């Protein structure tokens, strides 16, 4: 999935969950930081650690 696709889907999901525009913007900005910080496989591994 491309970065823009991920941001778009996440924005829609946050909106449907009732997040405010300010919260969505803050999370989107953090996502952009994280996207620059981790390679795809590394991010997948880190997400698994967080969830499991």
N, C-alpha and C. Protein backbone atom coordinates (compact mmCIF):
# COMPACT_ATOMS: atom_id res chain seq x y z
N UNK A 1 0.85 -1.17 0.00
CA UNK A 1 0.00 0.00 0.00
C UNK A 1 0.90 1.23 0.00
N UNK A 2 0.54 2.18 -0.79
CA UNK A 2 1.29 3.43 -0.87
C UNK A 2 0.98 4.32 0.35
N UNK A 3 1.91 5.21 0.65
CA UNK A 3 1.76 6.11 1.79
C UNK A 3 0.46 6.91 1.71
N UNK A 4 0.16 7.47 0.55
CA UNK A 4 -1.06 8.27 0.42
C UNK A 4 -2.32 7.45 0.63
N UNK A 5 -2.29 6.19 0.18
CA UNK A 5 -3.43 5.29 0.39
C UNK A 5 -3.63 5.03 1.88
N UNK A 6 -2.54 4.72 2.58
CA UNK A 6 -2.62 4.44 4.01
C UNK A 6 -3.17 5.65 4.77
N UNK A 7 -2.69 6.83 4.42
CA UNK A 7 -3.18 8.04 5.09
C UNK A 7 -4.66 8.28 4.80
N UNK A 8 -5.07 8.03 3.58
CA UNK A 8 -6.48 8.24 3.22
C UNK A 8 -7.39 7.28 3.98
N UNK A 9 -7.05 5.99 3.99
CA UNK A 9 -7.87 5.01 4.70
C UNK A 9 -7.91 5.30 6.20
N UNK A 10 -6.77 5.67 6.75
CA UNK A 10 -6.72 5.98 8.18
C UNK A 10 -7.55 7.20 8.51
N UNK A 11 -7.49 8.21 7.67
CA UNK A 11 -8.28 9.43 7.89
C UNK A 11 -9.78 9.11 7.87
N UNK A 12 -10.20 8.30 6.92
CA UNK A 12 -11.60 7.91 6.85
C UNK A 12 -12.01 7.13 8.09
N UNK A 13 -11.18 6.17 8.51
CA UNK A 13 -11.50 5.37 9.70
C UNK A 13 -11.58 6.23 10.95
N UNK A 14 -10.64 7.14 11.12
CA UNK A 14 -10.68 8.02 12.30
C UNK A 14 -11.92 8.89 12.30
N UNK A 15 -12.30 9.39 11.14
CA UNK A 15 -13.51 10.20 11.04
C UNK A 15 -14.73 9.38 11.43
N UNK A 16 -14.81 8.15 10.93
CA UNK A 16 -15.95 7.28 11.24
C UNK A 16 -15.98 6.87 12.71
N UNK A 17 -14.81 6.87 13.37
CA UNK A 17 -14.74 6.57 14.80
C UNK A 17 -15.01 7.79 15.67
N UNK A 18 -15.19 8.94 15.05
CA UNK A 18 -15.56 10.14 15.79
C UNK A 18 -14.42 11.04 16.22
N UNK A 19 -13.22 10.82 15.68
CA UNK A 19 -12.10 11.70 16.01
C UNK A 19 -12.37 13.10 15.46
N UNK A 20 -11.89 14.10 16.20
CA UNK A 20 -12.03 15.48 15.73
C UNK A 20 -11.01 15.75 14.63
N UNK A 21 -11.22 16.84 13.89
CA UNK A 21 -10.26 17.21 12.85
C UNK A 21 -8.87 17.45 13.45
N UNK A 22 -8.82 18.06 14.61
CA UNK A 22 -7.54 18.32 15.27
C UNK A 22 -6.83 17.01 15.61
N UNK A 23 -7.59 16.03 16.14
CA UNK A 23 -7.00 14.73 16.46
C UNK A 23 -6.53 14.01 15.20
N UNK A 24 -7.33 14.06 14.15
CA UNK A 24 -6.95 13.42 12.89
C UNK A 24 -5.67 14.05 12.35
N UNK A 25 -5.57 15.35 12.39
CA UNK A 25 -4.37 16.03 11.91
C UNK A 25 -3.15 15.64 12.73
N UNK A 26 -3.30 15.58 14.04
CA UNK A 26 -2.20 15.22 14.92
C UNK A 26 -1.72 13.79 14.64
N UNK A 27 -2.66 12.87 14.49
CA UNK A 27 -2.31 11.47 14.22
C UNK A 27 -1.69 11.34 12.83
N UNK A 28 -2.22 12.04 11.87
CA UNK A 28 -1.68 12.00 10.51
C UNK A 28 -0.24 12.52 10.50
N UNK A 29 0.02 13.59 11.21
CA UNK A 29 1.39 14.12 11.30
C UNK A 29 2.33 13.10 11.93
N UNK A 30 1.86 12.42 12.98
CA UNK A 30 2.68 11.40 13.63
C UNK A 30 2.91 10.23 12.69
N UNK A 31 1.89 9.84 11.93
CA UNK A 31 2.05 8.76 10.95
C UNK A 31 3.13 9.11 9.94
N UNK A 32 3.15 10.35 9.47
CA UNK A 32 4.16 10.77 8.51
C UNK A 32 5.56 10.65 9.10
N UNK A 33 5.71 10.99 10.38
CA UNK A 33 7.00 10.84 11.06
C UNK A 33 7.41 9.37 11.11
N UNK A 34 6.46 8.52 11.50
CA UNK A 34 6.74 7.09 11.64
C UNK A 34 7.05 6.47 10.28
N UNK A 35 6.34 6.90 9.24
CA UNK A 35 6.61 6.38 7.89
C UNK A 35 8.05 6.66 7.46
N UNK A 36 8.59 7.78 7.89
CA UNK A 36 9.97 8.12 7.55
C UNK A 36 10.97 7.38 8.44
N UNK A 37 10.53 6.97 9.62
CA UNK A 37 11.41 6.38 10.62
C UNK A 37 11.64 4.88 10.41
N UNK A 38 10.62 4.14 9.96
CA UNK A 38 10.69 2.69 9.88
C UNK A 38 10.53 2.19 8.46
N UNK A 39 11.29 1.16 8.12
CA UNK A 39 11.06 0.42 6.87
C UNK A 39 9.79 -0.40 7.04
N UNK A 40 9.19 -0.84 5.93
CA UNK A 40 7.90 -1.54 5.97
C UNK A 40 7.93 -2.78 6.87
N UNK A 41 8.90 -3.65 6.69
CA UNK A 41 8.98 -4.89 7.48
C UNK A 41 9.19 -4.56 8.96
N UNK A 42 10.03 -3.60 9.23
CA UNK A 42 10.30 -3.19 10.61
C UNK A 42 9.03 -2.66 11.27
N UNK A 43 8.26 -1.89 10.52
CA UNK A 43 7.00 -1.35 11.05
C UNK A 43 6.00 -2.48 11.32
N UNK A 44 5.94 -3.46 10.43
CA UNK A 44 5.04 -4.60 10.64
C UNK A 44 5.42 -5.36 11.90
N UNK A 45 6.72 -5.58 12.11
CA UNK A 45 7.19 -6.28 13.30
C UNK A 45 6.86 -5.49 14.56
N UNK A 46 7.08 -4.19 14.52
CA UNK A 46 6.80 -3.33 15.68
C UNK A 46 5.31 -3.34 15.98
N UNK A 47 4.47 -3.27 14.97
CA UNK A 47 3.01 -3.29 15.17
C UNK A 47 2.59 -4.62 15.80
N UNK A 48 3.19 -5.73 15.35
CA UNK A 48 2.88 -7.03 15.95
C UNK A 48 3.26 -7.06 17.42
N UNK A 49 4.42 -6.49 17.76
CA UNK A 49 4.85 -6.42 19.16
C UNK A 49 3.84 -5.65 20.00
N UNK A 50 3.33 -4.57 19.47
CA UNK A 50 2.37 -3.73 20.19
C UNK A 50 1.05 -4.47 20.40
N UNK A 51 0.58 -5.15 19.37
CA UNK A 51 -0.74 -5.80 19.45
C UNK A 51 -0.71 -7.15 20.14
N UNK A 52 0.39 -7.86 20.04
CA UNK A 52 0.45 -9.22 20.58
C UNK A 52 1.47 -9.28 21.66
